[in-house]
Amino acid sequence: MAMLQRLFVFSRVSPGPPASVSCGAGHRCTAPPKRCPHQGFTLIELLVVIAIIALLTAILFPVFSQAREKARSISCLSNMRQIGMGLQQYMQDNDDRLFFRSTTNVDMTRLHKATSGNDLKWWNQLMPYIKNNTVFSCPSDNGPLASPDVSGNNTIPRSYVASSAVEYLKRAQVTNASEAIVITEKWDVNESGATVSESWMEPFNKDMAPDPVNPQERPMLTLANRHQGGMNCAFFDGHAKWLTPTAIKGSATLSGCALIHAYPTLRMCDQTVPGCASGDPNLCNNPSFYPYPGG
């Protein structure tokens, strides 16, 4: 305690001039000056204080970092909730059907028609209901992808991808809407440093396979578990939730494979579809998913 009290001593009190005292009739003498009891810190005391400060810093810094990340994760989840509400409004205006994938490959969309145009990008389809460019960017994403608005200008920072599993499905076709992911998070770059530019995730085309460079830290090649080992997701019924890669990859419903099996195309398919031309590895061929509901 005495050592800590010394931390707040900034100057020594000068003893001042010698105090006069009476030594008898007609005589005066001076009392000996009082000595200051504390002349400063010893080297050992300084080293102990420095060690204590270093120890406290080592303990508290990770706690502060986790608190900041938790705040960013909550902000990201709020984005997902806004996107979820926008999804509901969009479907109400579009015969209870979700947006389709704009592509020139007719086998990559249930629309079975080649389309193109920035106005058909999924984020631009939702923008009239959300009216906020920043909602598509996660605060924990160090490099959200600059994506085109309806005019073709890259003004929308984007950290999220849409699920091809629910593409162009009607509400009545999605029997378990509370477990059907529509929007989730992507990495800015992969472990090799290449930009992750995908706008749609494909469980049938290695997006959910581990990153070969760092499979422990990145159990999914495209999808980003940046929030303390998990990712935020917006679901078909409009709610938002945090999930781990293990939970998603281990579920035929959460991964979207059940819907891909039920409503396949020649590119969005599993091995039960004759002529399936999906990528490799195809998560939807996971033996634990069979038999799928409905055969």
Protein backbone atom coordinates (compact mmCIF):
# COMPACT_ATOMS: atom_id res chain seq x y z
CA MET A 1 0.00 0.00 0.00
CA ALA A 2 2.86 2.35 0.84
CA MET A 3 4.35 1.76 -2.60
CA LEU A 4 1.07 2.60 -4.37
CA GLN A 5 0.68 5.76 -2.30
CA ARG A 6 4.04 6.90 -3.63
CA LEU A 7 2.64 6.77 -7.21
CA PHE A 8 0.58 9.86 -6.42
CA VAL A 9 3.41 11.89 -4.88
CA PHE A 10 4.56 14.39 -7.49
CA SER A 11 6.83 16.62 -5.42
CA ARG A 12 8.50 16.63 -2.05
CA VAL A 13 7.51 19.18 0.56
CA SER A 14 10.45 21.43 1.37
CA PRO A 15 11.29 21.39 5.03
CA GLY A 16 11.54 25.23 4.94
CA PRO A 17 13.66 27.30 7.29
CA PRO A 18 14.53 25.90 10.69
CA ALA A 19 11.75 26.42 13.19
CA SER A 20 12.56 28.60 16.19
CA VAL A 21 11.91 27.22 19.61
CA SER A 22 12.41 28.64 23.07
CA CYS A 23 15.51 27.44 24.92
CA GLY A 24 14.98 29.43 28.09
CA ALA A 25 14.86 33.01 29.31
CA GLY A 26 16.50 35.40 26.84
CA HIS A 27 17.68 32.63 24.58
CA ARG A 28 16.37 31.15 21.35
CA CYS A 29 17.64 28.15 19.48
CA THR A 30 16.63 26.24 16.42
CA ALA A 31 15.19 22.76 16.24
CA PRO A 32 16.88 20.32 13.89
CA PRO A 33 15.15 20.21 10.49
CA LYS A 34 12.75 17.35 9.85
CA ARG A 35 13.90 14.89 7.26
CA CYS A 36 11.56 13.86 4.43
CA PRO A 37 10.67 10.23 5.04
CA HIS A 38 10.42 9.37 1.29
CA GLN A 39 13.19 10.28 -1.07
CA GLY A 40 11.79 8.42 -4.23
CA PHE A 41 11.24 4.97 -5.71
CA THR A 42 13.74 2.22 -5.65
CA LEU A 43 14.52 0.37 -8.89
CA ILE A 44 12.78 -2.76 -7.60
CA GLU A 45 9.60 -0.80 -6.86
CA LEU A 46 9.56 0.71 -10.38
CA LEU A 47 10.05 -2.70 -11.96
CA VAL A 48 7.21 -4.15 -9.92
CA VAL A 49 4.86 -1.34 -10.99
CA ILE A 50 5.80 -1.80 -14.66
CA ALA A 51 5.22 -5.56 -14.36
CA ILE A 52 1.78 -4.98 -12.83
CA ILE A 53 0.80 -2.58 -15.62
CA ALA A 54 2.00 -5.01 -18.28
CA LEU A 55 0.06 -7.86 -16.67
CA LEU A 56 -3.16 -5.82 -16.50
CA THR A 57 -2.75 -4.80 -20.13
CA ALA A 58 -2.27 -8.42 -21.22
CA ILE A 59 -5.42 -9.43 -19.34
CA LEU A 60 -7.69 -6.55 -20.35
CA PHE A 61 -6.72 -6.03 -24.02
CA PRO A 62 -8.32 -9.30 -25.28
CA VAL A 63 -11.43 -8.50 -23.25
CA PHE A 64 -11.74 -5.08 -24.89
CA SER A 65 -11.14 -6.61 -28.34
CA GLN A 66 -13.88 -9.18 -27.79
CA ALA A 67 -16.26 -6.46 -26.62
CA ARG A 68 -15.60 -4.41 -29.78
CA GLU A 69 -16.14 -7.46 -31.99
CA LYS A 70 -19.36 -8.29 -30.16
CA ALA A 71 -20.62 -4.77 -30.86
CA ARG A 72 -19.76 -5.14 -34.55
CA SER A 73 -21.48 -8.53 -34.67
CA ILE A 74 -24.64 -7.02 -33.17
CA SER A 75 -24.56 -4.24 -35.77
CA CYS A 76 -24.18 -6.85 -38.53
CA LEU A 77 -27.10 -8.84 -37.13
CA SER A 78 -29.16 -5.66 -37.18
CA ASN A 79 -28.33 -5.34 -40.88
CA MET A 80 -29.59 -8.87 -41.42
CA ARG A 81 -32.85 -8.06 -39.64
CA GLN A 82 -33.39 -5.08 -41.93
CA ILE A 83 -32.64 -7.25 -44.95
CA GLY A 84 -35.07 -9.87 -43.63
CA MET A 85 -37.84 -7.27 -43.40
CA GLY A 86 -36.99 -6.09 -46.91
CA LEU A 87 -37.29 -9.69 -48.15
CA GLN A 88 -40.81 -9.95 -46.75
CA GLN A 89 -41.88 -6.70 -48.41
CA TYR A 90 -40.34 -7.77 -51.70
CA MET A 91 -42.21 -11.08 -51.72
CA GLN A 92 -45.49 -9.38 -50.82
CA ASP A 93 -45.09 -7.26 -53.95
CA ASN A 94 -44.02 -10.20 -56.14
CA ASP A 95 -46.66 -12.88 -55.73
CA ASP A 96 -44.92 -14.37 -52.65
CA ARG A 97 -41.90 -15.32 -54.76
CA LEU A 98 -38.25 -14.55 -54.06
CA PHE A 99 -36.01 -12.82 -56.61
CA PHE A 100 -34.31 -14.89 -59.31
CA ARG A 101 -30.64 -15.10 -60.17
CA SER A 102 -29.66 -12.88 -63.06
CA THR A 103 -27.31 -14.94 -65.25
CA THR A 104 -26.72 -15.88 -68.86
CA ASN A 105 -26.48 -19.57 -67.84
CA VAL A 106 -30.09 -20.82 -67.90
CA ASP A 107 -29.16 -23.89 -65.83
CA MET A 108 -28.09 -21.68 -62.91
CA THR A 109 -31.56 -20.22 -62.32
CA ARG A 110 -35.03 -21.64 -61.82
CA LEU A 111 -36.27 -18.89 -64.10
CA HIS A 112 -34.72 -20.97 -66.94
CA LYS A 113 -34.08 -17.78 -68.85
CA ALA A 114 -30.95 -15.76 -69.56
CA THR A 115 -31.06 -12.29 -68.04
CA SER A 116 -28.60 -9.51 -67.29
CA GLY A 117 -28.62 -5.99 -65.90
CA ASN A 118 -27.54 -4.23 -62.72
CA ASP A 119 -31.15 -3.61 -61.76
CA LEU A 120 -31.56 -7.39 -61.43
CA LYS A 121 -28.77 -7.82 -58.86
CA TRP A 122 -30.38 -9.12 -55.67
CA TRP A 123 -29.27 -6.14 -53.55
CA ASN A 124 -30.75 -3.72 -56.08
CA GLN A 125 -33.98 -5.71 -56.05
CA LEU A 126 -34.17 -5.12 -52.29
CA MET A 127 -32.97 -1.52 -52.28
CA PRO A 128 -36.43 0.06 -52.79
CA TYR A 129 -37.50 -1.56 -49.50
CA ILE A 130 -34.31 -0.97 -47.51
CA LYS A 131 -33.22 2.43 -48.89
CA ASN A 132 -29.78 2.27 -47.28
CA ASN A 133 -26.56 1.37 -49.10
CA THR A 134 -24.64 0.62 -45.91
CA VAL A 135 -26.97 -2.19 -44.77
CA PHE A 136 -25.20 -4.62 -47.12
CA SER A 137 -21.83 -4.09 -45.41
CA CYS A 138 -20.66 -5.82 -42.21
CA PRO A 139 -18.68 -3.61 -39.77
CA SER A 140 -16.21 -6.48 -39.25
CA ASP A 141 -15.47 -6.80 -42.97
CA ASN A 142 -12.12 -5.15 -43.69
CA GLY A 143 -12.80 -4.89 -47.41
CA PRO A 144 -16.46 -4.99 -48.47
CA LEU A 145 -16.77 -5.42 -52.23
CA ALA A 146 -17.78 -2.26 -54.11
CA SER A 147 -20.84 -3.47 -56.01
CA PRO A 148 -22.89 -1.74 -58.74
CA ASP A 149 -26.08 0.15 -58.10
CA VAL A 150 -28.86 0.22 -60.71
CA SER A 151 -26.87 2.78 -62.74
CA GLY A 152 -23.75 0.59 -62.80
CA ASN A 153 -21.77 2.73 -60.37
CA ASN A 154 -19.91 0.79 -57.66
CA THR A 155 -21.46 2.68 -54.77
CA ILE A 156 -22.72 -0.23 -52.65
CA PRO A 157 -20.18 -1.81 -50.25
CA ARG A 158 -21.20 -5.46 -49.98
CA SER A 159 -20.22 -8.13 -47.45
CA TYR A 160 -23.12 -10.49 -48.09
CA VAL A 161 -24.21 -13.18 -50.54
CA ALA A 162 -27.60 -14.69 -51.41
CA SER A 163 -28.33 -18.42 -51.31
CA SER A 164 -28.96 -20.10 -54.64
CA ALA A 165 -30.95 -22.77 -52.76
CA VAL A 166 -33.93 -20.43 -52.27
CA GLU A 167 -33.61 -18.59 -55.58
CA TYR A 168 -36.97 -17.90 -57.28
CA LEU A 169 -38.99 -20.06 -54.89
CA LYS A 170 -42.49 -19.20 -53.69
CA ARG A 171 -43.33 -19.04 -50.01
CA ALA A 172 -45.50 -22.16 -50.26
CA GLN A 173 -42.55 -24.16 -51.65
CA VAL A 174 -40.36 -23.48 -48.60
CA THR A 175 -41.95 -25.64 -45.93
CA ASN A 176 -39.32 -24.83 -43.29
CA ALA A 177 -38.88 -21.09 -43.86
CA SER A 178 -37.33 -20.50 -40.42
CA GLU A 179 -34.33 -22.67 -41.40
CA ALA A 180 -33.96 -21.53 -45.02
CA ILE A 181 -31.04 -19.08 -45.24
CA VAL A 182 -31.49 -16.36 -47.86
CA ILE A 183 -28.60 -13.97 -47.11
CA THR A 184 -25.36 -14.58 -45.21
CA GLU A 185 -21.75 -13.33 -45.07
CA LYS A 186 -18.82 -13.78 -47.42
CA TRP A 187 -15.09 -13.19 -47.05
CA ASP A 188 -13.47 -10.14 -48.61
CA VAL A 189 -10.47 -12.20 -49.77
CA ASN A 190 -9.56 -15.87 -49.44
CA GLU A 191 -6.45 -17.12 -47.66
CA SER A 192 -4.50 -16.88 -50.93
CA GLY A 193 -5.31 -13.16 -51.14
CA ALA A 194 -7.75 -13.40 -54.07
CA THR A 195 -10.88 -11.23 -53.92
CA VAL A 196 -14.09 -13.11 -53.12
CA SER A 197 -16.49 -11.51 -55.58
CA GLU A 198 -19.37 -14.00 -55.43
CA SER A 199 -22.87 -12.62 -55.06
CA TRP A 200 -24.54 -16.05 -54.73
CA MET A 201 -23.45 -18.98 -52.55
CA GLU A 202 -23.60 -22.50 -53.95
CA PRO A 203 -23.40 -25.47 -51.56
CA PHE A 204 -23.24 -27.70 -54.63
CA ASN A 205 -20.13 -25.96 -55.97
CA LYS A 206 -17.45 -25.97 -53.19
CA ASP A 207 -18.51 -22.67 -51.56
CA MET A 208 -18.97 -24.54 -48.27
CA ALA A 209 -15.79 -26.59 -48.63
CA PRO A 210 -12.86 -25.68 -46.33
CA ASP A 211 -10.30 -23.17 -47.54
CA PRO A 212 -7.35 -25.40 -48.54
CA VAL A 213 -4.82 -22.89 -47.24
CA ASN A 214 -6.28 -22.58 -43.74
CA PRO A 215 -9.13 -25.04 -43.16
CA GLN A 216 -9.06 -24.64 -39.37
CA GLU A 217 -9.68 -20.89 -39.37
CA ARG A 218 -11.83 -20.93 -42.50
CA PRO A 219 -14.02 -24.04 -42.61
CA MET A 220 -15.90 -22.52 -45.58
CA LEU A 221 -14.18 -21.25 -48.70
CA THR A 222 -16.63 -18.44 -49.49
CA LEU A 223 -18.76 -17.95 -46.38
CA ALA A 224 -17.24 -15.87 -43.60
CA ASN A 225 -17.30 -17.06 -39.98
CA ARG A 226 -15.85 -13.73 -38.87
CA HIS A 227 -17.96 -13.26 -35.74
CA GLN A 228 -16.26 -15.33 -33.05
CA GLY A 229 -16.39 -18.41 -35.24
CA GLY A 230 -19.86 -17.84 -36.71
CA MET A 231 -21.83 -15.78 -39.22
CA ASN A 232 -25.07 -13.85 -39.29
CA CYS A 233 -27.89 -14.98 -41.56
CA ALA A 234 -31.25 -13.65 -42.77
CA PHE A 235 -33.91 -16.32 -43.25
CA PHE A 236 -36.84 -16.85 -45.60
CA ASP A 237 -39.36 -16.01 -42.87
CA GLY A 238 -37.63 -12.66 -42.19
CA HIS A 239 -35.81 -13.36 -38.93
CA ALA A 240 -32.03 -13.17 -38.46
CA LYS A 241 -29.71 -15.42 -36.48
CA TRP A 242 -26.04 -16.23 -35.80
CA LEU A 243 -24.90 -19.69 -36.88
CA THR A 244 -21.65 -21.66 -36.97
CA PRO A 245 -20.24 -23.33 -40.10
CA THR A 246 -20.61 -26.70 -38.38
CA ALA A 247 -24.34 -26.16 -37.87
CA ILE A 248 -24.84 -25.09 -41.49
CA LYS A 249 -22.75 -27.79 -43.12
CA GLY A 250 -24.26 -30.50 -40.94
CA SER A 251 -27.86 -29.73 -41.87
CA ALA A 252 -29.61 -30.51 -45.16
CA THR A 253 -32.05 -27.69 -44.35
CA LEU A 254 -29.66 -24.93 -43.22
CA SER A 255 -27.22 -25.64 -46.06
CA GLY A 256 -30.05 -25.37 -48.58
CA CYS A 257 -29.42 -28.85 -49.97
CA ALA A 258 -32.96 -30.04 -49.13
CA LEU A 259 -34.42 -27.29 -51.35
CA ILE A 260 -31.86 -27.95 -54.08
CA HIS A 261 -32.87 -31.61 -54.03
CA ALA A 262 -36.57 -30.72 -54.16
CA TYR A 263 -36.27 -28.06 -56.91
CA PRO A 264 -33.12 -28.82 -58.94
CA THR A 265 -31.72 -27.58 -62.22
CA LEU A 266 -28.91 -29.19 -64.20
CA ARG A 267 -26.38 -27.06 -62.32
CA MET A 268 -28.14 -26.73 -58.96
CA CYS A 269 -28.48 -30.42 -58.12
CA ASP A 270 -27.20 -33.47 -56.29
CA GLN A 271 -26.21 -36.89 -57.60
CA THR A 272 -29.82 -38.09 -57.78
CA VAL A 273 -30.48 -35.79 -60.75
CA PRO A 274 -29.59 -37.41 -64.11
CA GLY A 275 -27.00 -35.33 -65.93
CA CYS A 276 -26.22 -33.17 -62.88
CA ALA A 277 -23.34 -30.84 -63.77
CA SER A 278 -22.66 -29.37 -60.34
CA GLY A 279 -19.22 -28.48 -59.10
CA ASP A 280 -16.93 -30.51 -56.89
CA PRO A 281 -17.06 -30.95 -53.96
CA ASN A 282 -20.86 -30.93 -53.78
CA LEU A 283 -22.04 -30.71 -50.18
CA CYS A 284 -25.50 -31.88 -51.25
CA ASN A 285 -24.03 -35.34 -51.98
CA ASN A 286 -23.31 -35.75 -48.27
CA PRO A 287 -24.43 -39.32 -47.41
CA SER A 288 -25.83 -38.16 -44.07
CA PHE A 289 -28.41 -36.05 -45.92
CA TYR A 290 -29.99 -39.11 -47.55
CA PRO A 291 -32.75 -39.92 -47.84
CA TYR A 292 -33.96 -36.39 -48.50
CA PRO A 293 -37.55 -35.56 -47.58
CA GLY A 294 -39.77 -36.68 -50.45
CA GLY A 295 -37.33 -39.33 -51.74
